Amino acid sequence: VTIGGESFMISEPIPNPASSLTDISYVIPESGWGELSIYDLTGRLVQQLYGGQMESGSFRRSIDVGTLPAGKYTLALSFNGKTVTKSLIVVK
């Protein structure tokens, strides 16, 4: 997704499937409001990892999925009205 001529993206989670921790990288092209969240397959918010002001740059974050039940989830990064998603599989 492009915002202001620059890419806004989220990487595939590594490892995926994951049982405890998974890492993601994401790029924010400009400062603005953003959210990083995990949803189940019904679209229900399972965990909001971050919500608030985001600065521009490239970031890496570890996510603890050890408390989530096994299953398939959607990892969503929303920024300035646009959303990018990646699939995440949690195994036990």
PDB file of N, CA and C in Angstrom:
ATOM      1  N   VAL A   1       0.852  -1.172   0.000  1.00  0.00           N
ATOM      2  CA  VAL A   1       0.000   0.000   0.000  1.00  0.00           C
ATOM      3  C   VAL A   1       0.891   1.227   0.000  1.00  0.00           C
ATOM      4  N   THR A   2       0.526   2.244  -0.769  1.00  0.00           N
ATOM      5  CA  THR A   2       1.332   3.452  -0.862  1.00  0.00           C
ATOM      6  C   THR A   2       0.597   4.615  -0.200  1.00  0.00           C
ATOM      7  N   ILE A   3       1.321   5.343   0.644  1.00  0.00           N
ATOM      8  CA  ILE A   3       0.802   6.552   1.292  1.00  0.00           C
ATOM      9  C   ILE A   3       1.809   7.661   1.033  1.00  0.00           C
ATOM     10  N   GLY A   4       1.372   8.734   0.410  1.00  0.00           N
ATOM     11  CA  GLY A   4       2.274   9.849   0.138  1.00  0.00           C
ATOM     12  C   GLY A   4       3.466   9.451  -0.712  1.00  0.00           C
ATOM     13  N   GLY A   5       3.279   8.469  -1.615  1.00  0.00           N
ATOM     14  CA  GLY A   5       4.346   8.039  -2.496  1.00  0.00           C
ATOM     15  C   GLY A   5       5.314   7.043  -1.884  1.00  0.00           C
ATOM     16  N   GLU A   6       5.125   6.682  -0.617  1.00  0.00           N
ATOM     17  CA  GLU A   6       6.015   5.730   0.037  1.00  0.00           C
ATOM     18  C   GLU A   6       5.250   4.491   0.478  1.00  0.00           C
ATOM     19  N   SER A   7       5.958   3.377   0.580  1.00  0.00           N
ATOM     20  CA  SER A   7       5.333   2.103   0.927  1.00  0.00           C
ATOM     21  C   SER A   7       4.986   2.011   2.404  1.00  0.00           C
ATOM     22  N   PHE A   8       3.847   1.412   2.661  1.00  0.00           N
ATOM     23  CA  PHE A   8       3.350   1.093   4.000  1.00  0.00           C
ATOM     24  C   PHE A   8       3.136  -0.406   3.969  1.00  0.00           C
ATOM     25  N   MET A   9       3.877  -1.157   4.797  1.00  0.00           N
ATOM     26  CA  MET A   9       3.809  -2.607   4.684  1.00  0.00           C
ATOM     27  C   MET A   9       4.060  -3.285   6.014  1.00  0.00           C
ATOM     28  N   ILE A  10       3.672  -4.578   6.027  1.00  0.00           N
ATOM     29  CA  ILE A  10       3.940  -5.455   7.159  1.00  0.00           C
ATOM     30  C   ILE A  10       4.486  -6.758   6.584  1.00  0.00           C
ATOM     31  N   SER A  11       5.493  -7.326   7.238  1.00  0.00           N
ATOM     32  CA  SER A  11       6.104  -8.566   6.754  1.00  0.00           C
ATOM     33  C   SER A  11       5.304  -9.781   7.208  1.00  0.00           C
ATOM     34  N   GLU A  12       5.621 -10.920   6.607  1.00  0.00           N
ATOM     35  CA  GLU A  12       5.081 -12.187   7.090  1.00  0.00           C
ATOM     36  C   GLU A  12       5.640 -12.442   8.484  1.00  0.00           C
ATOM     37  N   PRO A  13       4.820 -12.939   9.419  1.00  0.00           N
ATOM     38  CA  PRO A  13       5.343 -13.284  10.744  1.00  0.00           C
ATOM     39  C   PRO A  13       6.364 -14.421  10.639  1.00  0.00           C
ATOM     40  N   ILE A  14       7.420 -14.344  11.440  1.00  0.00           N
ATOM     41  CA  ILE A  14       8.455 -15.383  11.473  1.00  0.00           C
ATOM     42  C   ILE A  14       8.702 -15.767  12.920  1.00  0.00           C
ATOM     43  N   PRO A  15       8.548 -17.020  13.327  1.00  0.00           N
ATOM     44  CA  PRO A  15       8.058 -18.134  12.522  1.00  0.00           C
ATOM     45  C   PRO A  15       6.542 -18.075  12.355  1.00  0.00           C
ATOM     46  N   ASN A  16       6.075 -18.786  11.376  1.00  0.00           N
ATOM     47  CA  ASN A  16       4.650 -18.901  11.119  1.00  0.00           C
ATOM     48  C   ASN A  16       4.412 -20.255  10.465  1.00  0.00           C
ATOM     49  N   PRO A  17       3.870 -21.232  11.174  1.00  0.00           N
ATOM     50  CA  PRO A  17       3.161 -21.172  12.438  1.00  0.00           C
ATOM     51  C   PRO A  17       4.085 -20.884  13.625  1.00  0.00           C
ATOM     52  N   ALA A  18       3.459 -20.362  14.689  1.00  0.00           N
ATOM     53  CA  ALA A  18       4.178 -20.023  15.916  1.00  0.00           C
ATOM     54  C   ALA A  18       3.446 -20.605  17.117  1.00  0.00           C
ATOM     55  N   SER A  19       4.214 -20.899  18.170  1.00  0.00           N
ATOM     56  CA  SER A  19       3.597 -21.421  19.390  1.00  0.00           C
ATOM     57  C   SER A  19       3.787 -20.485  20.579  1.00  0.00           C
ATOM     58  N   SER A  20       4.788 -19.619  20.518  1.00  0.00           N
ATOM     59  CA  SER A  20       5.010 -18.698  21.637  1.00  0.00           C
ATOM     60  C   SER A  20       5.273 -17.281  21.135  1.00  0.00           C
ATOM     61  N   LEU A  21       6.404 -17.061  20.502  1.00  0.00           N
ATOM     62  CA  LEU A  21       6.732 -15.736  19.981  1.00  0.00           C
ATOM     63  C   LEU A  21       6.846 -15.774  18.465  1.00  0.00           C
ATOM     64  N   THR A  22       6.428 -14.694  17.832  1.00  0.00           N
ATOM     65  CA  THR A  22       6.625 -14.513  16.399  1.00  0.00           C
ATOM     66  C   THR A  22       7.085 -13.073  16.184  1.00  0.00           C
ATOM     67  N   ASP A  23       7.886 -12.849  15.176  1.00  0.00           N
ATOM     68  CA  ASP A  23       8.415 -11.515  14.883  1.00  0.00           C
ATOM     69  C   ASP A  23       7.823 -10.984  13.593  1.00  0.00           C
ATOM     70  N   ILE A  24       7.558  -9.683  13.584  1.00  0.00           N
ATOM     71  CA  ILE A  24       7.118  -9.013  12.364  1.00  0.00           C
ATOM     72  C   ILE A  24       7.960  -7.758  12.174  1.00  0.00           C
ATOM     73  N   SER A  25       8.032  -7.329  10.939  1.00  0.00           N
ATOM     74  CA  SER A  25       8.638  -6.042  10.598  1.00  0.00           C
ATOM     75  C   SER A  25       7.577  -5.235   9.879  1.00  0.00           C
ATOM     76  N   TYR A  26       7.610  -3.928  10.069  1.00  0.00           N
ATOM     77  CA  TYR A  26       6.666  -3.088   9.360  1.00  0.00           C
ATOM     78  C   TYR A  26       7.283  -1.725   9.077  1.00  0.00           C
ATOM     79  N   VAL A  27       6.765  -1.071   8.041  1.00  0.00           N
ATOM     80  CA  VAL A  27       7.267   0.231   7.607  1.00  0.00           C
ATOM     81  C   VAL A  27       6.121   1.227   7.654  1.00  0.00           C
ATOM     82  N   ILE A  28       6.385   2.356   8.312  1.00  0.00           N
ATOM     83  CA  ILE A  28       5.437   3.469   8.384  1.00  0.00           C
ATOM     84  C   ILE A  28       6.065   4.637   7.617  1.00  0.00           C
ATOM     85  N   PRO A  29       5.426   5.132   6.541  1.00  0.00           N
ATOM     86  CA  PRO A  29       6.059   6.141   5.694  1.00  0.00           C
ATOM     87  C   PRO A  29       6.048   7.564   6.260  1.00  0.00           C
ATOM     88  N   GLU A  30       5.128   7.839   7.172  1.00  0.00           N
ATOM     89  CA  GLU A  30       5.014   9.184   7.747  1.00  0.00           C
ATOM     90  C   GLU A  30       4.357   9.064   9.115  1.00  0.00           C
ATOM     91  N   SER A  31       4.506  10.062   9.941  1.00  0.00           N
ATOM     92  CA  SER A  31       3.883  10.042  11.259  1.00  0.00           C
ATOM     93  C   SER A  31       2.363  10.087  11.118  1.00  0.00           C
ATOM     94  N   GLY A  32       1.669   9.394  12.022  1.00  0.00           N
ATOM     95  CA  GLY A  32       0.213   9.389  11.990  1.00  0.00           C
ATOM     96  C   GLY A  32      -0.346   8.384  12.981  1.00  0.00           C
ATOM     97  N   TRP A  33      -1.659   8.236  12.979  1.00  0.00           N
ATOM     98  CA  TRP A  33      -2.359   7.327  13.892  1.00  0.00           C
ATOM     99  C   TRP A  33      -2.348   5.920  13.320  1.00  0.00           C
ATOM    100  N   GLY A  34      -2.031   4.937  14.174  1.00  0.00           N
ATOM    101  CA  GLY A  34      -2.014   3.565  13.703  1.00  0.00           C
ATOM    102  C   GLY A  34      -2.414   2.573  14.773  1.00  0.00           C
ATOM    103  N   GLU A  35      -2.741   1.368  14.324  1.00  0.00           N
ATOM    104  CA  GLU A  35      -3.085   0.258  15.221  1.00  0.00           C
ATOM    105  C   GLU A  35      -2.476  -1.021  14.680  1.00  0.00           C
ATOM    106  N   LEU A  36      -2.025  -1.858  15.592  1.00  0.00           N
ATOM    107  CA  LEU A  36      -1.537  -3.188  15.269  1.00  0.00           C
ATOM    108  C   LEU A  36      -2.379  -4.157  16.087  1.00  0.00           C
ATOM    109  N   SER A  37      -3.112  -5.046  15.404  1.00  0.00           N
ATOM    110  CA  SER A  37      -4.091  -5.895  16.085  1.00  0.00           C
ATOM    111  C   SER A  37      -4.095  -7.309  15.526  1.00  0.00           C
ATOM    112  N   ILE A  38      -4.636  -8.235  16.333  1.00  0.00           N
ATOM    113  CA  ILE A  38      -4.840  -9.615  15.906  1.00  0.00           C
ATOM    114  C   ILE A  38      -6.343  -9.901  15.951  1.00  0.00           C
ATOM    115  N   TYR A  39      -6.866 -10.492  14.843  1.00  0.00           N
ATOM    116  CA  TYR A  39      -8.278 -10.843  14.734  1.00  0.00           C
ATOM    117  C   TYR A  39      -8.411 -12.340  14.490  1.00  0.00           C
ATOM    118  N   ASP A  40      -9.512 -12.922  14.985  1.00  0.00           N
ATOM    119  CA  ASP A  40      -9.780 -14.324  14.667  1.00  0.00           C
ATOM    120  C   ASP A  40     -10.473 -14.385  13.305  1.00  0.00           C
ATOM    121  N   LEU A  41     -10.802 -15.594  12.851  1.00  0.00           N
ATOM    122  CA  LEU A  41     -11.378 -15.744  11.511  1.00  0.00           C
ATOM    123  C   LEU A  41     -12.784 -15.188  11.373  1.00  0.00           C
ATOM    124  N   THR A  42     -13.459 -14.912  12.496  1.00  0.00           N
ATOM    125  CA  THR A  42     -14.785 -14.302  12.422  1.00  0.00           C
ATOM    126  C   THR A  42     -14.696 -12.776  12.357  1.00  0.00           C
ATOM    127  N   GLY A  43     -13.471 -12.230  12.457  1.00  0.00           N
ATOM    128  CA  GLY A  43     -13.278 -10.787  12.444  1.00  0.00           C
ATOM    129  C   GLY A  43     -13.311 -10.155  13.820  1.00  0.00           C
ATOM    130  N   ARG A  44     -13.397 -10.985  14.850  1.00  0.00           N
ATOM    131  CA  ARG A  44     -13.420 -10.480  16.226  1.00  0.00           C
ATOM    132  C   ARG A  44     -12.010 -10.087  16.657  1.00  0.00           C
ATOM    133  N   LEU A  45     -11.893  -8.900  17.250  1.00  0.00           N
ATOM    134  CA  LEU A  45     -10.615  -8.455  17.782  1.00  0.00           C
ATOM    135  C   LEU A  45     -10.215  -9.362  18.937  1.00  0.00           C
ATOM    136  N   VAL A  46      -9.052  -9.986  18.828  1.00  0.00           N
ATOM    137  CA  VAL A  46      -8.546 -10.885  19.859  1.00  0.00           C
ATOM    138  C   VAL A  46      -7.558 -10.152  20.757  1.00  0.00           C
ATOM    139  N   GLN A  47      -6.718  -9.333  20.144  1.00  0.00           N
ATOM    140  CA  GLN A  47      -5.696  -8.627  20.906  1.00  0.00           C
ATOM    141  C   GLN A  47      -5.276  -7.372  20.159  1.00  0.00           C
ATOM    142  N   GLN A  48      -5.367  -6.218  20.836  1.00  0.00           N
ATOM    143  CA  GLN A  48      -4.816  -4.994  20.256  1.00  0.00           C
ATOM    144  C   GLN A  48      -3.409  -4.845  20.811  1.00  0.00           C
ATOM    145  N   LEU A  49      -2.428  -4.916  19.927  1.00  0.00           N
ATOM    146  CA  LEU A  49      -1.031  -4.864  20.326  1.00  0.00           C
ATOM    147  C   LEU A  49      -0.545  -3.436  20.507  1.00  0.00           C
ATOM    148  N   TYR A  50      -1.112  -2.515  19.716  1.00  0.00           N
ATOM    149  CA  TYR A  50      -0.737  -1.106  19.818  1.00  0.00           C
ATOM    150  C   TYR A  50      -1.833  -0.268  19.185  1.00  0.00           C
ATOM    151  N   GLY A  51      -2.072   0.876  19.754  1.00  0.00           N
ATOM    152  CA  GLY A  51      -2.988   1.856  19.179  1.00  0.00           C
ATOM    153  C   GLY A  51      -2.542   3.240  19.602  1.00  0.00           C
ATOM    154  N   GLY A  52      -2.220   4.089  18.644  1.00  0.00           N
ATOM    155  CA  GLY A  52      -1.788   5.438  18.987  1.00  0.00           C
ATOM    156  C   GLY A  52      -0.927   6.047  17.905  1.00  0.00           C
ATOM    157  N   GLN A  53      -0.248   7.113  18.266  1.00  0.00           N
ATOM    158  CA  GLN A  53       0.615   7.827  17.340  1.00  0.00           C
ATOM    159  C   GLN A  53       1.800   6.950  16.944  1.00  0.00           C
ATOM    160  N   MET A  54       2.063   6.869  15.638  1.00  0.00           N
ATOM    161  CA  MET A  54       3.201   6.108  15.119  1.00  0.00           C
ATOM    162  C   MET A  54       4.123   7.065  14.387  1.00  0.00           C
ATOM    163  N   GLU A  55       5.394   6.874  14.572  1.00  0.00           N
ATOM    164  CA  GLU A  55       6.395   7.675  13.872  1.00  0.00           C
ATOM    165  C   GLU A  55       6.824   6.960  12.597  1.00  0.00           C
ATOM    166  N   SER A  56       7.353   7.702  11.636  1.00  0.00           N
ATOM    167  CA  SER A  56       7.808   7.091  10.392  1.00  0.00           C
ATOM    168  C   SER A  56       9.077   6.278  10.639  1.00  0.00           C
ATOM    169  N   GLY A  57       9.254   5.234   9.833  1.00  0.00           N
ATOM    170  CA  GLY A  57      10.452   4.415   9.932  1.00  0.00           C
ATOM    171  C   GLY A  57      10.151   2.944   9.743  1.00  0.00           C
ATOM    172  N   SER A  58      11.197   2.147   9.889  1.00  0.00           N
ATOM    173  CA  SER A  58      11.094   0.683   9.813  1.00  0.00           C
ATOM    174  C   SER A  58      11.216   0.132  11.216  1.00  0.00           C
ATOM    175  N   PHE A  59      10.350  -0.818  11.561  1.00  0.00           N
ATOM    176  CA  PHE A  59      10.292  -1.345  12.924  1.00  0.00           C
ATOM    177  C   PHE A  59      10.218  -2.863  12.908  1.00  0.00           C
ATOM    178  N   ARG A  60      10.685  -3.478  13.984  1.00  0.00           N
ATOM    179  CA  ARG A  60      10.584  -4.925  14.199  1.00  0.00           C
ATOM    180  C   ARG A  60       9.984  -5.122  15.581  1.00  0.00           C
ATOM    181  N   ARG A  61       9.069  -6.076  15.683  1.00  0.00           N
ATOM    182  CA  ARG A  61       8.388  -6.306  16.954  1.00  0.00           C
ATOM    183  C   ARG A  61       8.173  -7.796  17.170  1.00  0.00           C
ATOM    184  N   SER A  62       8.403  -8.249  18.398  1.00  0.00           N
ATOM    185  CA  SER A  62       8.090  -9.617  18.791  1.00  0.00           C
ATOM    186  C   SER A  62       6.686  -9.626  19.391  1.00  0.00           C
ATOM    187  N   ILE A  63       5.900 -10.617  19.013  1.00  0.00           N
ATOM    188  CA  ILE A  63       4.534 -10.733  19.493  1.00  0.00           C
ATOM    189  C   ILE A  63       4.388 -12.053  20.233  1.00  0.00           C
ATOM    190  N   ASP A  64       3.875 -11.991  21.446  1.00  0.00           N
ATOM    191  CA  ASP A  64       3.643 -13.190  22.250  1.00  0.00           C
ATOM    192  C   ASP A  64       2.271 -13.756  21.888  1.00  0.00           C
ATOM    193  N   VAL A  65       2.265 -14.912  21.230  1.00  0.00           N
ATOM    194  CA  VAL A  65       1.016 -15.565  20.851  1.00  0.00           C
ATOM    195  C   VAL A  65       0.760 -16.801  21.707  1.00  0.00           C
ATOM    196  N   GLY A  66       1.569 -16.986  22.737  1.00  0.00           N
ATOM    197  CA  GLY A  66       1.471 -18.164  23.586  1.00  0.00           C
ATOM    198  C   GLY A  66       0.163 -18.295  24.338  1.00  0.00           C
ATOM    199  N   THR A  67      -0.547 -17.184  24.552  1.00  0.00           N
ATOM    200  CA  THR A  67      -1.819 -17.230  25.282  1.00  0.00           C
ATOM    201  C   THR A  67      -3.025 -17.438  24.359  1.00  0.00           C
ATOM    202  N   LEU A  68      -2.805 -17.381  23.047  1.00  0.00           N
ATOM    203  CA  LEU A  68      -3.908 -17.557  22.095  1.00  0.00           C
ATOM    204  C   LEU A  68      -4.186 -19.035  21.862  1.00  0.00           C
ATOM    205  N   PRO A  69      -5.448 -19.406  21.709  1.00  0.00           N
ATOM    206  CA  PRO A  69      -5.762 -20.789  21.343  1.00  0.00           C
ATOM    207  C   PRO A  69      -5.191 -21.110  19.955  1.00  0.00           C
ATOM    208  N   ALA A  70      -4.914 -22.376  19.721  1.00  0.00           N
ATOM    209  CA  ALA A  70      -4.443 -22.789  18.400  1.00  0.00           C
ATOM    210  C   ALA A  70      -5.478 -22.403  17.347  1.00  0.00           C
ATOM    211  N   GLY A  71      -4.995 -21.951  16.194  1.00  0.00           N
ATOM    212  CA  GLY A  71      -5.903 -21.580  15.118  1.00  0.00           C
ATOM    213  C   GLY A  71      -5.271 -20.584  14.168  1.00  0.00           C
ATOM    214  N   LYS A  72      -6.084 -20.136  13.228  1.00  0.00           N
ATOM    215  CA  LYS A  72      -5.641 -19.179  12.220  1.00  0.00           C
ATOM    216  C   LYS A  72      -6.161 -17.791  12.592  1.00  0.00           C
ATOM    217  N   TYR A  73      -5.286 -16.798  12.463  1.00  0.00           N
ATOM    218  CA  TYR A  73      -5.600 -15.421  12.832  1.00  0.00           C
ATOM    219  C   TYR A  73      -5.161 -14.474  11.718  1.00  0.00           C
ATOM    220  N   THR A  74      -5.639 -13.248  11.802  1.00  0.00           N
ATOM    221  CA  THR A  74      -5.214 -12.195  10.898  1.00  0.00           C
ATOM    222  C   THR A  74      -4.508 -11.124  11.710  1.00  0.00           C
ATOM    223  N   LEU A  75      -3.299 -10.809  11.307  1.00  0.00           N
ATOM    224  CA  LEU A  75      -2.520  -9.732  11.904  1.00  0.00           C
ATOM    225  C   LEU A  75      -2.759  -8.503  11.036  1.00  0.00           C
ATOM    226  N   ALA A  76      -3.261  -7.422  11.619  1.00  0.00           N
ATOM    227  CA  ALA A  76      -3.627  -6.238  10.840  1.00  0.00           C
ATOM    228  C   ALA A  76      -2.887  -5.002  11.335  1.00  0.00           C
ATOM    229  N   LEU A  77      -2.294  -4.280  10.390  1.00  0.00           N
ATOM    230  CA  LEU A  77      -1.669  -2.995  10.666  1.00  0.00           C
ATOM    231  C   LEU A  77      -2.488  -1.937   9.946  1.00  0.00           C
ATOM    232  N   SER A  78      -3.128  -1.068  10.721  1.00  0.00           N
ATOM    233  CA  SER A  78      -3.937   0.022  10.162  1.00  0.00           C
ATOM    234  C   SER A  78      -3.213   1.324  10.403  1.00  0.00           C
ATOM    235  N   PHE A  79      -3.189   2.172   9.366  1.00  0.00           N
ATOM    236  CA  PHE A  79      -2.467   3.444   9.462  1.00  0.00           C
ATOM    237  C   PHE A  79      -3.120   4.464   8.547  1.00  0.00           C
ATOM    238  N   ASN A  80      -3.509   5.588   9.127  1.00  0.00           N
ATOM    239  CA  ASN A  80      -4.117   6.690   8.365  1.00  0.00           C
ATOM    240  C   ASN A  80      -5.227   6.215   7.423  1.00  0.00           C
ATOM    241  N   GLY A  81      -6.112   5.329   7.946  1.00  0.00           N
ATOM    242  CA  GLY A  81      -7.280   4.898   7.186  1.00  0.00           C
ATOM    243  C   GLY A  81      -7.054   3.743   6.237  1.00  0.00           C
ATOM    244  N   LYS A  82      -5.836   3.208   6.160  1.00  0.00           N
ATOM    245  CA  LYS A  82      -5.546   2.070   5.293  1.00  0.00           C
ATOM    246  C   LYS A  82      -5.100   0.902   6.158  1.00  0.00           C
ATOM    247  N   THR A  83      -5.349  -0.325   5.688  1.00  0.00           N
ATOM    248  CA  THR A  83      -5.006  -1.518   6.456  1.00  0.00           C
ATOM    249  C   THR A  83      -4.303  -2.528   5.566  1.00  0.00           C
ATOM    250  N   VAL A  84      -3.243  -3.132   6.104  1.00  0.00           N
ATOM    251  CA  VAL A  84      -2.581  -4.265   5.460  1.00  0.00           C
ATOM    252  C   VAL A  84      -2.642  -5.432   6.441  1.00  0.00           C
ATOM    253  N   THR A  85      -2.754  -6.652   5.906  1.00  0.00           N
ATOM    254  CA  THR A  85      -2.923  -7.819   6.764  1.00  0.00           C
ATOM    255  C   THR A  85      -1.982  -8.942   6.352  1.00  0.00           C
ATOM    256  N   LYS A  86      -1.720  -9.818   7.301  1.00  0.00           N
ATOM    257  CA  LYS A  86      -0.976 -11.063   7.071  1.00  0.00           C
ATOM    258  C   LYS A  86      -1.648 -12.155   7.896  1.00  0.00           C
ATOM    259  N   SER A  87      -1.591 -13.378   7.405  1.00  0.00           N
ATOM    260  CA  SER A  87      -2.130 -14.514   8.154  1.00  0.00           C
ATOM    261  C   SER A  87      -1.118 -14.977   9.193  1.00  0.00           C
ATOM    262  N   LEU A  88      -1.638 -15.433  10.313  1.00  0.00           N
ATOM    263  CA  LEU A  88      -0.829 -15.947  11.399  1.00  0.00           C
ATOM    264  C   LEU A  88      -1.473 -17.234  11.891  1.00  0.00           C
ATOM    265  N   ILE A  89      -0.685 -18.284  12.007  1.00  0.00           N
ATOM    266  CA  ILE A  89      -1.174 -19.557  12.514  1.00  0.00           C
ATOM    267  C   ILE A  89      -0.520 -19.826  13.856  1.00  0.00           C
ATOM    268  N   VAL A  90      -1.353 -20.109  14.857  1.00  0.00           N
ATOM    269  CA  VAL A  90      -0.872 -20.432  16.209  1.00  0.00           C
ATOM    270  C   VAL A  90      -1.060 -21.921  16.425  1.00  0.00           C
ATOM    271  N   VAL A  91       0.011 -22.588  16.840  1.00  0.00           N
ATOM    272  CA  VAL A  91      -0.031 -24.021  17.134  1.00  0.00           C
ATOM    273  C   VAL A  91       0.362 -24.236  18.584  1.00  0.00           C
ATOM    274  N   LYS A  92      -0.071 -25.336  19.145  1.00  0.00           N
ATOM    275  CA  LYS A  92       0.275 -25.683  20.546  1.00  0.00           C
ATOM    276  C   LYS A  92       1.109 -26.927  20.568  1.00  0.00           C
TER     277      LYS A  92
END
